[in-house]
Amino acid sequence: MPTYDFLNEKDNVEFEAFFSIKEKEEFLAEHPHIRQLPPSQVNIVSGTGKMRNDDGWHENMARLAAANPNTPLADRVGGRSPKDAKTQAAVEKWRKARRNSV
């Protein structure tokens, strides 16, 4: 849950409170003399480069691709030998030609 900054306009007193978003909205609805102040600090999170998945992720994706060989996942992830890929491409070419001739 985030910490919010508020201003009590009756007393001109600033304070912090720790609320969920829903609790903050309810609090502001119940107390019209209190308004939320803009954040004094904005946390910007950024990466330092390309995100990389670990080997466990790649193994899991390869296992799923092997279990489902004729899916876009198998085409994208691989896990097939070059011979299997060429055979699949030839079969797809034959099927496409057959569909067009009929």
PDB file of N, CA and C in Angstrom:
ATOM      1  N   MET A   1       0.847  -1.179   0.000  1.00  0.00           N
ATOM      2  CA  MET A   1       0.000   0.000   0.000  1.00  0.00           C
ATOM      3  C   MET A   1       0.890   1.240   0.000  1.00  0.00           C
ATOM      4  N   PRO A   2       0.496   2.227  -0.752  1.00  0.00           N
ATOM      5  CA  PRO A   2       1.316   3.431  -0.842  1.00  0.00           C
ATOM      6  C   PRO A   2       1.068   4.411   0.301  1.00  0.00           C
ATOM      7  N   THR A   3       2.011   5.304   0.449  1.00  0.00           N
ATOM      8  CA  THR A   3       1.895   6.409   1.396  1.00  0.00           C
ATOM      9  C   THR A   3       1.489   7.656   0.624  1.00  0.00           C
ATOM     10  N   TYR A   4       0.502   8.375   1.129  1.00  0.00           N
ATOM     11  CA  TYR A   4      -0.005   9.567   0.466  1.00  0.00           C
ATOM     12  C   TYR A   4       0.242  10.794   1.337  1.00  0.00           C
ATOM     13  N   ASP A   5       0.421  11.943   0.691  1.00  0.00           N
ATOM     14  CA  ASP A   5       0.555  13.227   1.382  1.00  0.00           C
ATOM     15  C   ASP A   5      -0.770  13.971   1.267  1.00  0.00           C
ATOM     16  N   PHE A   6      -1.202  14.524   2.405  1.00  0.00           N
ATOM     17  CA  PHE A   6      -2.473  15.248   2.443  1.00  0.00           C
ATOM     18  C   PHE A   6      -2.278  16.610   3.081  1.00  0.00           C
ATOM     19  N   LEU A   7      -3.237  17.501   2.801  1.00  0.00           N
ATOM     20  CA  LEU A   7      -3.262  18.823   3.419  1.00  0.00           C
ATOM     21  C   LEU A   7      -4.635  19.032   4.030  1.00  0.00           C
ATOM     22  N   ASN A   8      -4.643  19.310   5.324  1.00  0.00           N
ATOM     23  CA  ASN A   8      -5.882  19.673   6.003  1.00  0.00           C
ATOM     24  C   ASN A   8      -6.058  21.175   5.790  1.00  0.00           C
ATOM     25  N   GLU A   9      -7.030  21.547   4.972  1.00  0.00           N
ATOM     26  CA  GLU A   9      -7.215  22.959   4.604  1.00  0.00           C
ATOM     27  C   GLU A   9      -7.779  23.798   5.747  1.00  0.00           C
ATOM     28  N   LYS A  10      -8.392  23.179   6.751  1.00  0.00           N
ATOM     29  CA  LYS A  10      -8.892  23.946   7.905  1.00  0.00           C
ATOM     30  C   LYS A  10      -7.729  24.456   8.748  1.00  0.00           C
ATOM     31  N   ASP A  11      -6.782  23.547   9.039  1.00  0.00           N
ATOM     32  CA  ASP A  11      -5.664  23.887   9.926  1.00  0.00           C
ATOM     33  C   ASP A  11      -4.378  24.212   9.160  1.00  0.00           C
ATOM     34  N   ASN A  12      -4.388  24.002   7.848  1.00  0.00           N
ATOM     35  CA  ASN A  12      -3.202  24.187   7.016  1.00  0.00           C
ATOM     36  C   ASN A  12      -2.046  23.298   7.498  1.00  0.00           C
ATOM     37  N   VAL A  13      -2.386  22.030   7.782  1.00  0.00           N
ATOM     38  CA  VAL A  13      -1.403  21.071   8.279  1.00  0.00           C
ATOM     39  C   VAL A  13      -1.226  19.962   7.242  1.00  0.00           C
ATOM     40  N   GLU A  14       0.029  19.688   6.905  1.00  0.00           N
ATOM     41  CA  GLU A  14       0.331  18.577   5.999  1.00  0.00           C
ATOM     42  C   GLU A  14       0.610  17.330   6.819  1.00  0.00           C
ATOM     43  N   PHE A  15       0.166  16.180   6.292  1.00  0.00           N
ATOM     44  CA  PHE A  15       0.442  14.910   6.962  1.00  0.00           C
ATOM     45  C   PHE A  15       0.491  13.787   5.942  1.00  0.00           C
ATOM     46  N   GLU A  16       1.081  12.672   6.377  1.00  0.00           N
ATOM     47  CA  GLU A  16       1.172  11.483   5.538  1.00  0.00           C
ATOM     48  C   GLU A  16       0.232  10.421   6.085  1.00  0.00           C
ATOM     49  N   ALA A  17      -0.280   9.594   5.178  1.00  0.00           N
ATOM     50  CA  ALA A  17      -1.127   8.472   5.608  1.00  0.00           C
ATOM     51  C   ALA A  17      -0.851   7.291   4.690  1.00  0.00           C
ATOM     52  N   PHE A  18      -1.021   6.118   5.248  1.00  0.00           N
ATOM     53  CA  PHE A  18      -0.745   4.857   4.566  1.00  0.00           C
ATOM     54  C   PHE A  18      -2.084   4.176   4.284  1.00  0.00           C
ATOM     55  N   PHE A  19      -2.540   4.214   3.013  1.00  0.00           N
ATOM     56  CA  PHE A  19      -3.850   3.692   2.632  1.00  0.00           C
ATOM     57  C   PHE A  19      -3.731   2.826   1.384  1.00  0.00           C
ATOM     58  N   SER A  20      -4.720   1.952   1.226  1.00  0.00           N
ATOM     59  CA  SER A  20      -4.912   1.345  -0.086  1.00  0.00           C
ATOM     60  C   SER A  20      -5.624   2.399  -0.940  1.00  0.00           C
ATOM     61  N   ILE A  21      -5.693   2.177  -2.228  1.00  0.00           N
ATOM     62  CA  ILE A  21      -6.338   3.161  -3.101  1.00  0.00           C
ATOM     63  C   ILE A  21      -7.806   3.338  -2.720  1.00  0.00           C
ATOM     64  N   LYS A  22      -8.471   2.220  -2.448  1.00  0.00           N
ATOM     65  CA  LYS A  22      -9.886   2.287  -2.077  1.00  0.00           C
ATOM     66  C   LYS A  22     -10.067   3.034  -0.756  1.00  0.00           C
ATOM     67  N   GLU A  23      -9.215   2.734   0.229  1.00  0.00           N
ATOM     68  CA  GLU A  23      -9.311   3.418   1.522  1.00  0.00           C
ATOM     69  C   GLU A  23      -9.054   4.911   1.371  1.00  0.00           C
ATOM     70  N   LYS A  24      -8.103   5.287   0.506  1.00  0.00           N
ATOM     71  CA  LYS A  24      -7.807   6.707   0.277  1.00  0.00           C
ATOM     72  C   LYS A  24      -9.023   7.421  -0.299  1.00  0.00           C
ATOM     73  N   GLU A  25      -9.664   6.791  -1.281  1.00  0.00           N
ATOM     74  CA  GLU A  25     -10.843   7.407  -1.888  1.00  0.00           C
ATOM     75  C   GLU A  25     -11.965   7.575  -0.870  1.00  0.00           C
ATOM     76  N   GLU A  26     -12.173   6.564  -0.028  1.00  0.00           N
ATOM     77  CA  GLU A  26     -13.203   6.663   1.015  1.00  0.00           C
ATOM     78  C   GLU A  26     -12.858   7.760   2.021  1.00  0.00           C
ATOM     79  N   PHE A  27     -11.582   7.838   2.410  1.00  0.00           N
ATOM     80  CA  PHE A  27     -11.140   8.855   3.363  1.00  0.00           C
ATOM     81  C   PHE A  27     -11.395  10.258   2.818  1.00  0.00           C
ATOM     82  N   LEU A  28     -11.029  10.481   1.552  1.00  0.00           N
ATOM     83  CA  LEU A  28     -11.227  11.808   0.954  1.00  0.00           C
ATOM     84  C   LEU A  28     -12.705  12.135   0.802  1.00  0.00           C
ATOM     85  N   ALA A  29     -13.538  11.134   0.533  1.00  0.00           N
ATOM     86  CA  ALA A  29     -14.981  11.378   0.422  1.00  0.00           C
ATOM     87  C   ALA A  29     -15.585  11.762   1.775  1.00  0.00           C
ATOM     88  N   GLU A  30     -15.079  11.159   2.856  1.00  0.00           N
ATOM     89  CA  GLU A  30     -15.594  11.436   4.204  1.00  0.00           C
ATOM     90  C   GLU A  30     -15.061  12.751   4.770  1.00  0.00           C
ATOM     91  N   HIS A  31     -13.924  13.226   4.263  1.00  0.00           N
ATOM     92  CA  HIS A  31     -13.292  14.437   4.783  1.00  0.00           C
ATOM     93  C   HIS A  31     -13.077  15.434   3.639  1.00  0.00           C
ATOM     94  N   PRO A  32     -14.091  16.222   3.304  1.00  0.00           N
ATOM     95  CA  PRO A  32     -13.978  17.140   2.164  1.00  0.00           C
ATOM     96  C   PRO A  32     -12.979  18.278   2.392  1.00  0.00           C
ATOM     97  N   HIS A  33     -12.624  18.565   3.640  1.00  0.00           N
ATOM     98  CA  HIS A  33     -11.677  19.641   3.928  1.00  0.00           C
ATOM     99  C   HIS A  33     -10.219  19.182   3.773  1.00  0.00           C
ATOM    100  N   ILE A  34     -10.012  17.935   3.454  1.00  0.00           N
ATOM    101  CA  ILE A  34      -8.661  17.398   3.256  1.00  0.00           C
ATOM    102  C   ILE A  34      -8.482  17.098   1.777  1.00  0.00           C
ATOM    103  N   ARG A  35      -7.355  17.540   1.243  1.00  0.00           N
ATOM    104  CA  ARG A  35      -7.071  17.235  -0.164  1.00  0.00           C
ATOM    105  C   ARG A  35      -5.708  16.551  -0.270  1.00  0.00           C
ATOM    106  N   GLN A  36      -5.584  15.765  -1.299  1.00  0.00           N
ATOM    107  CA  GLN A  36      -4.343  15.042  -1.523  1.00  0.00           C
ATOM    108  C   GLN A  36      -3.342  15.956  -2.216  1.00  0.00           C
ATOM    109  N   LEU A  37      -2.094  15.912  -1.750  1.00  0.00           N
ATOM    110  CA  LEU A  37      -1.020  16.679  -2.369  1.00  0.00           C
ATOM    111  C   LEU A  37      -0.315  15.815  -3.408  1.00  0.00           C
ATOM    112  N   PRO A  38       0.290  16.452  -4.401  1.00  0.00           N
ATOM    113  CA  PRO A  38       1.044  15.661  -5.367  1.00  0.00           C
ATOM    114  C   PRO A  38       2.237  15.001  -4.680  1.00  0.00           C
ATOM    115  N   PRO A  39       2.691  13.886  -5.200  1.00  0.00           N
ATOM    116  CA  PRO A  39       3.814  13.200  -4.546  1.00  0.00           C
ATOM    117  C   PRO A  39       5.071  14.060  -4.559  1.00  0.00           C
ATOM    118  N   SER A  40       5.801  14.014  -3.458  1.00  0.00           N
ATOM    119  CA  SER A  40       7.030  14.794  -3.370  1.00  0.00           C
ATOM    120  C   SER A  40       8.182  14.092  -4.074  1.00  0.00           C
ATOM    121  N   GLN A  41       8.027  12.793  -4.277  1.00  0.00           N
ATOM    122  CA  GLN A  41       9.079  12.016  -4.933  1.00  0.00           C
ATOM    123  C   GLN A  41       8.408  11.005  -5.849  1.00  0.00           C
ATOM    124  N   VAL A  42       8.876  10.917  -7.074  1.00  0.00           N
ATOM    125  CA  VAL A  42       8.345   9.952  -8.021  1.00  0.00           C
ATOM    126  C   VAL A  42       9.420   8.905  -8.259  1.00  0.00           C
ATOM    127  N   ASN A  43       9.076   7.661  -8.029  1.00  0.00           N
ATOM    128  CA  ASN A  43      10.025   6.581  -8.259  1.00  0.00           C
ATOM    129  C   ASN A  43       9.867   6.078  -9.682  1.00  0.00           C
ATOM    130  N   ILE A  44      10.902   6.223 -10.454  1.00  0.00           N
ATOM    131  CA  ILE A  44      10.895   5.738 -11.827  1.00  0.00           C
ATOM    132  C   ILE A  44      11.730   4.475 -11.863  1.00  0.00           C
ATOM    133  N   VAL A  45      11.105   3.408 -12.288  1.00  0.00           N
ATOM    134  CA  VAL A  45      11.787   2.125 -12.354  1.00  0.00           C
ATOM    135  C   VAL A  45      12.060   1.830 -13.810  1.00  0.00           C
ATOM    136  N   SER A  46      13.299   1.552 -14.096  1.00  0.00           N
ATOM    137  CA  SER A  46      13.647   1.209 -15.474  1.00  0.00           C
ATOM    138  C   SER A  46      14.701   0.127 -15.464  1.00  0.00           C
ATOM    139  N   GLY A  47      14.778  -0.572 -16.563  1.00  0.00           N
ATOM    140  CA  GLY A  47      15.765  -1.623 -16.693  1.00  0.00           C
ATOM    141  C   GLY A  47      17.074  -1.065 -17.220  1.00  0.00           C
ATOM    142  N   THR A  48      18.092  -1.867 -17.104  1.00  0.00           N
ATOM    143  CA  THR A  48      19.396  -1.444 -17.604  1.00  0.00           C
ATOM    144  C   THR A  48      19.731  -2.147 -18.901  1.00  0.00           C
ATOM    145  N   GLY A  49      18.793  -2.866 -19.437  1.00  0.00           N
ATOM    146  CA  GLY A  49      19.039  -3.572 -20.681  1.00  0.00           C
ATOM    147  C   GLY A  49      17.893  -4.496 -20.990  1.00  0.00           C
ATOM    148  N   LYS A  50      18.130  -5.382 -21.898  1.00  0.00           N
ATOM    149  CA  LYS A  50      17.088  -6.319 -22.313  1.00  0.00           C
ATOM    150  C   LYS A  50      16.842  -7.344 -21.207  1.00  0.00           C
ATOM    151  N   MET A  51      15.568  -7.591 -20.949  1.00  0.00           N
ATOM    152  CA  MET A  51      15.220  -8.606 -19.959  1.00  0.00           C
ATOM    153  C   MET A  51      15.553  -9.979 -20.516  1.00  0.00           C
ATOM    154  N   ARG A  52      16.080 -10.839 -19.683  1.00  0.00           N
ATOM    155  CA  ARG A  52      16.442 -12.170 -20.137  1.00  0.00           C
ATOM    156  C   ARG A  52      15.758 -13.197 -19.247  1.00  0.00           C
ATOM    157  N   ASN A  53      15.242 -14.229 -19.869  1.00  0.00           N
ATOM    158  CA  ASN A  53      14.644 -15.323 -19.125  1.00  0.00           C
ATOM    159  C   ASN A  53      15.719 -16.335 -18.787  1.00  0.00           C
ATOM    160  N   ASP A  54      15.551 -17.012 -17.663  1.00  0.00           N
ATOM    161  CA  ASP A  54      16.555 -17.988 -17.278  1.00  0.00           C
ATOM    162  C   ASP A  54      16.368 -19.298 -18.039  1.00  0.00           C
ATOM    163  N   ASP A  55      17.289 -20.234 -17.840  1.00  0.00           N
ATOM    164  CA  ASP A  55      17.248 -21.498 -18.570  1.00  0.00           C
ATOM    165  C   ASP A  55      16.016 -22.330 -18.234  1.00  0.00           C
ATOM    166  N   GLY A  56      15.512 -22.197 -17.012  1.00  0.00           N
ATOM    167  CA  GLY A  56      14.309 -22.937 -16.636  1.00  0.00           C
ATOM    168  C   GLY A  56      13.117 -22.550 -17.502  1.00  0.00           C
ATOM    169  N   TRP A  57      13.010 -21.267 -17.809  1.00  0.00           N
ATOM    170  CA  TRP A  57      11.927 -20.792 -18.671  1.00  0.00           C
ATOM    171  C   TRP A  57      12.080 -21.389 -20.066  1.00  0.00           C
ATOM    172  N   HIS A  58      13.292 -21.354 -20.589  1.00  0.00           N
ATOM    173  CA  HIS A  58      13.529 -21.884 -21.934  1.00  0.00           C
ATOM    174  C   HIS A  58      13.263 -23.392 -21.991  1.00  0.00           C
ATOM    175  N   GLU A  59      13.654 -24.111 -20.949  1.00  0.00           N
ATOM    176  CA  GLU A  59      13.387 -25.554 -20.897  1.00  0.00           C
ATOM    177  C   GLU A  59      11.892 -25.827 -20.882  1.00  0.00           C
ATOM    178  N   ASN A  60      11.163 -25.058 -20.108  1.00  0.00           N
ATOM    179  CA  ASN A  60       9.714 -25.237 -20.017  1.00  0.00           C
ATOM    180  C   ASN A  60       9.050 -24.944 -21.361  1.00  0.00           C
ATOM    181  N   MET A  61       9.473 -23.867 -22.036  1.00  0.00           N
ATOM    182  CA  MET A  61       8.912 -23.539 -23.335  1.00  0.00           C
ATOM    183  C   MET A  61       9.248 -24.618 -24.372  1.00  0.00           C
ATOM    184  N   ALA A  62      10.464 -25.152 -24.322  1.00  0.00           N
ATOM    185  CA  ALA A  62      10.856 -26.220 -25.244  1.00  0.00           C
ATOM    186  C   ALA A  62      10.031 -27.483 -24.983  1.00  0.00           C
ATOM    187  N   ARG A  63       9.755 -27.777 -23.716  1.00  0.00           N
ATOM    188  CA  ARG A  63       8.935 -28.941 -23.373  1.00  0.00           C
ATOM    189  C   ARG A  63       7.516 -28.770 -23.907  1.00  0.00           C
ATOM    190  N   LEU A  64       6.954 -27.573 -23.747  1.00  0.00           N
ATOM    191  CA  LEU A  64       5.608 -27.311 -24.265  1.00  0.00           C
ATOM    192  C   LEU A  64       5.577 -27.386 -25.788  1.00  0.00           C
ATOM    193  N   ALA A  65       6.623 -26.870 -26.430  1.00  0.00           N
ATOM    194  CA  ALA A  65       6.689 -26.917 -27.889  1.00  0.00           C
ATOM    195  C   ALA A  65       6.801 -28.356 -28.382  1.00  0.00           C
ATOM    196  N   ALA A  66       7.567 -29.185 -27.681  1.00  0.00           N
ATOM    197  CA  ALA A  66       7.709 -30.591 -28.080  1.00  0.00           C
ATOM    198  C   ALA A  66       6.396 -31.344 -27.905  1.00  0.00           C
ATOM    199  N   ALA A  67       5.627 -30.980 -26.880  1.00  0.00           N
ATOM    200  CA  ALA A  67       4.344 -31.642 -26.636  1.00  0.00           C
ATOM    201  C   ALA A  67       3.285 -31.195 -27.643  1.00  0.00           C
ATOM    202  N   ASN A  68       3.486 -30.044 -28.267  1.00  0.00           N
ATOM    203  CA  ASN A  68       2.530 -29.490 -29.236  1.00  0.00           C
ATOM    204  C   ASN A  68       3.288 -29.106 -30.505  1.00  0.00           C
ATOM    205  N   PRO A  69       3.701 -30.095 -31.301  1.00  0.00           N
ATOM    206  CA  PRO A  69       4.625 -29.819 -32.407  1.00  0.00           C
ATOM    207  C   PRO A  69       4.050 -28.989 -33.552  1.00  0.00           C
ATOM    208  N   ASN A  70       2.772 -29.002 -33.795  1.00  0.00           N
ATOM    209  CA  ASN A  70       2.199 -28.289 -34.940  1.00  0.00           C
ATOM    210  C   ASN A  70       1.486 -27.014 -34.526  1.00  0.00           C
ATOM    211  N   THR A  71       2.097 -26.281 -33.610  1.00  0.00           N
ATOM    212  CA  THR A  71       1.500 -25.043 -33.121  1.00  0.00           C
ATOM    213  C   THR A  71       2.436 -23.869 -33.396  1.00  0.00           C
ATOM    214  N   PRO A  72       1.915 -22.663 -33.348  1.00  0.00           N
ATOM    215  CA  PRO A  72       2.796 -21.497 -33.511  1.00  0.00           C
ATOM    216  C   PRO A  72       3.892 -21.432 -32.443  1.00  0.00           C
ATOM    217  N   LEU A  73       3.592 -21.944 -31.244  1.00  0.00           N
ATOM    218  CA  LEU A  73       4.607 -21.975 -30.192  1.00  0.00           C
ATOM    219  C   LEU A  73       5.792 -22.826 -30.628  1.00  0.00           C
ATOM    220  N   ALA A  74       5.516 -23.981 -31.201  1.00  0.00           N
ATOM    221  CA  ALA A  74       6.602 -24.857 -31.656  1.00  0.00           C
ATOM    222  C   ALA A  74       7.388 -24.196 -32.779  1.00  0.00           C
ATOM    223  N   ASP A  75       6.696 -23.461 -33.652  1.00  0.00           N
ATOM    224  CA  ASP A  75       7.401 -22.767 -34.724  1.00  0.00           C
ATOM    225  C   ASP A  75       8.296 -21.668 -34.167  1.00  0.00           C
ATOM    226  N   ARG A  76       7.800 -20.968 -33.162  1.00  0.00           N
ATOM    227  CA  ARG A  76       8.538 -19.831 -32.612  1.00  0.00           C
ATOM    228  C   ARG A  76       9.679 -20.275 -31.696  1.00  0.00           C
ATOM    229  N   VAL A  77       9.390 -21.210 -30.793  1.00  0.00           N
ATOM    230  CA  VAL A  77      10.377 -21.626 -29.802  1.00  0.00           C
ATOM    231  C   VAL A  77      11.389 -22.583 -30.404  1.00  0.00           C
ATOM    232  N   GLY A  78      10.928 -23.397 -31.295  1.00  0.00           N
ATOM    233  CA  GLY A  78      11.850 -24.355 -31.918  1.00  0.00           C
ATOM    234  C   GLY A  78      11.792 -25.678 -31.194  1.00  0.00           C
ATOM    235  N   GLY A  79      12.946 -26.193 -30.877  1.00  0.00           N
ATOM    236  CA  GLY A  79      12.989 -27.514 -30.269  1.00  0.00           C
ATOM    237  C   GLY A  79      12.946 -28.597 -31.333  1.00  0.00           C
ATOM    238  N   ARG A  80      12.929 -28.186 -32.621  1.00  0.00           N
ATOM    239  CA  ARG A  80      12.919 -29.149 -33.715  1.00  0.00           C
ATOM    240  C   ARG A  80      14.280 -29.126 -34.396  1.00  0.00           C
ATOM    241  N   SER A  81      14.616 -30.255 -34.989  1.00  0.00           N
ATOM    242  CA  SER A  81      15.857 -30.310 -35.745  1.00  0.00           C
ATOM    243  C   SER A  81      15.642 -29.613 -37.087  1.00  0.00           C
ATOM    244  N   PRO A  82      16.720 -29.230 -37.766  1.00  0.00           N
ATOM    245  CA  PRO A  82      16.559 -28.613 -39.087  1.00  0.00           C
ATOM    246  C   PRO A  82      15.816 -29.525 -40.065  1.00  0.00           C
ATOM    247  N   LYS A  83      16.056 -30.830 -39.961  1.00  0.00           N
ATOM    248  CA  LYS A  83      15.356 -31.782 -40.841  1.00  0.00           C
ATOM    249  C   LYS A  83      13.850 -31.728 -40.587  1.00  0.00           C
ATOM    250  N   ASP A  84      13.453 -31.720 -39.298  1.00  0.00           N
ATOM    251  CA  ASP A  84      12.033 -31.645 -38.953  1.00  0.00           C
ATOM    252  C   ASP A  84      11.406 -30.348 -39.457  1.00  0.00           C
ATOM    253  N   ALA A  85      12.137 -29.244 -39.341  1.00  0.00           N
ATOM    254  CA  ALA A  85      11.618 -27.952 -39.805  1.00  0.00           C
ATOM    255  C   ALA A  85      11.420 -27.953 -41.317  1.00  0.00           C
ATOM    256  N   LYS A  86      12.388 -28.512 -42.071  1.00  0.00           N
ATOM    257  CA  LYS A  86      12.269 -28.562 -43.534  1.00  0.00           C
ATOM    258  C   LYS A  86      11.150 -29.504 -43.954  1.00  0.00           C
ATOM    259  N   THR A  87      11.010 -30.626 -43.263  1.00  0.00           N
ATOM    260  CA  THR A  87       9.930 -31.560 -43.566  1.00  0.00           C
ATOM    261  C   THR A  87       8.581 -30.891 -43.337  1.00  0.00           C
ATOM    262  N   GLN A  88       8.445 -30.190 -42.214  1.00  0.00           N
ATOM    263  CA  GLN A  88       7.188 -29.498 -41.903  1.00  0.00           C
ATOM    264  C   GLN A  88       6.895 -28.430 -42.945  1.00  0.00           C
ATOM    265  N   ALA A  89       7.924 -27.696 -43.380  1.00  0.00           N
ATOM    266  CA  ALA A  89       7.732 -26.663 -44.403  1.00  0.00           C
ATOM    267  C   ALA A  89       7.281 -27.282 -45.719  1.00  0.00           C
ATOM    268  N   ALA A  90       7.855 -28.435 -46.091  1.00  0.00           N
ATOM    269  CA  ALA A  90       7.461 -29.112 -47.333  1.00  0.00           C
ATOM    270  C   ALA A  90       6.019 -29.600 -47.250  1.00  0.00           C
ATOM    271  N   VAL A  91       5.631 -30.129 -46.103  1.00  0.00           N
ATOM    272  CA  VAL A  91       4.259 -30.603 -45.918  1.00  0.00           C
ATOM    273  C   VAL A  91       3.285 -29.422 -46.021  1.00  0.00           C
ATOM    274  N   GLU A  92       3.617 -28.294 -45.375  1.00  0.00           N
ATOM    275  CA  GLU A  92       2.748 -27.117 -45.441  1.00  0.00           C
ATOM    276  C   GLU A  92       2.645 -26.597 -46.871  1.00  0.00           C
ATOM    277  N   LYS A  93       3.745 -26.614 -47.609  1.00  0.00           N
ATOM    278  CA  LYS A  93       3.734 -26.170 -49.001  1.00  0.00           C
ATOM    279  C   LYS A  93       2.844 -27.088 -49.841  1.00  0.00           C
ATOM    280  N   TRP A  94       2.952 -28.399 -49.624  1.00  0.00           N
ATOM    281  CA  TRP A  94       2.128 -29.371 -50.352  1.00  0.00           C
ATOM    282  C   TRP A  94       0.648 -29.158 -50.031  1.00  0.00           C
ATOM    283  N   ARG A  95       0.319 -28.970 -48.745  1.00  0.00           N
ATOM    284  CA  ARG A  95      -1.077 -28.751 -48.342  1.00  0.00           C
ATOM    285  C   ARG A  95      -1.642 -27.483 -48.975  1.00  0.00           C
ATOM    286  N   LYS A  96      -0.846 -26.425 -48.984  1.00  0.00           N
ATOM    287  CA  LYS A  96      -1.296 -25.164 -49.574  1.00  0.00           C
ATOM    288  C   LYS A  96      -1.535 -25.323 -51.074  1.00  0.00           C
ATOM    289  N   ALA A  97      -0.626 -26.011 -51.772  1.00  0.00           N
ATOM    290  CA  ALA A  97      -0.784 -26.228 -53.198  1.00  0.00           C
ATOM    291  C   ALA A  97      -2.005 -27.087 -53.474  1.00  0.00           C
ATOM    292  N   ARG A  98      -2.244 -28.066 -52.645  1.00  0.00           N
ATOM    293  CA  ARG A  98      -3.391 -28.962 -52.831  1.00  0.00           C
ATOM    294  C   ARG A  98      -4.703 -28.201 -52.607  1.00  0.00           C
ATOM    295  N   ARG A  99      -4.736 -27.339 -51.591  1.00  0.00           N
ATOM    296  CA  ARG A  99      -5.943 -26.542 -51.332  1.00  0.00           C
ATOM    297  C   ARG A  99      -6.240 -25.598 -52.495  1.00  0.00           C
ATOM    298  N   ASN A 100      -5.201 -25.020 -53.067  1.00  0.00           N
ATOM    299  CA  ASN A 100      -5.398 -24.085 -54.176  1.00  0.00           C
ATOM    300  C   ASN A 100      -5.823 -24.775 -55.458  1.00  0.00           C
ATOM    301  N   SER A 101      -5.435 -26.036 -55.641  1.00  0.00           N
ATOM    302  CA  SER A 101      -5.777 -26.746 -56.880  1.00  0.00           C
ATOM    303  C   SER A 101      -7.176 -27.339 -56.840  1.00  0.00           C
ATOM    304  N   VAL A 102      -7.732 -27.493 -55.665  1.00  0.00           N
ATOM    305  CA  VAL A 102      -9.058 -28.122 -55.562  1.00  0.00           C
ATOM    306  C   VAL A 102     -10.147 -27.132 -55.720  1.00  0.00           C
TER     307      VAL A 102
END
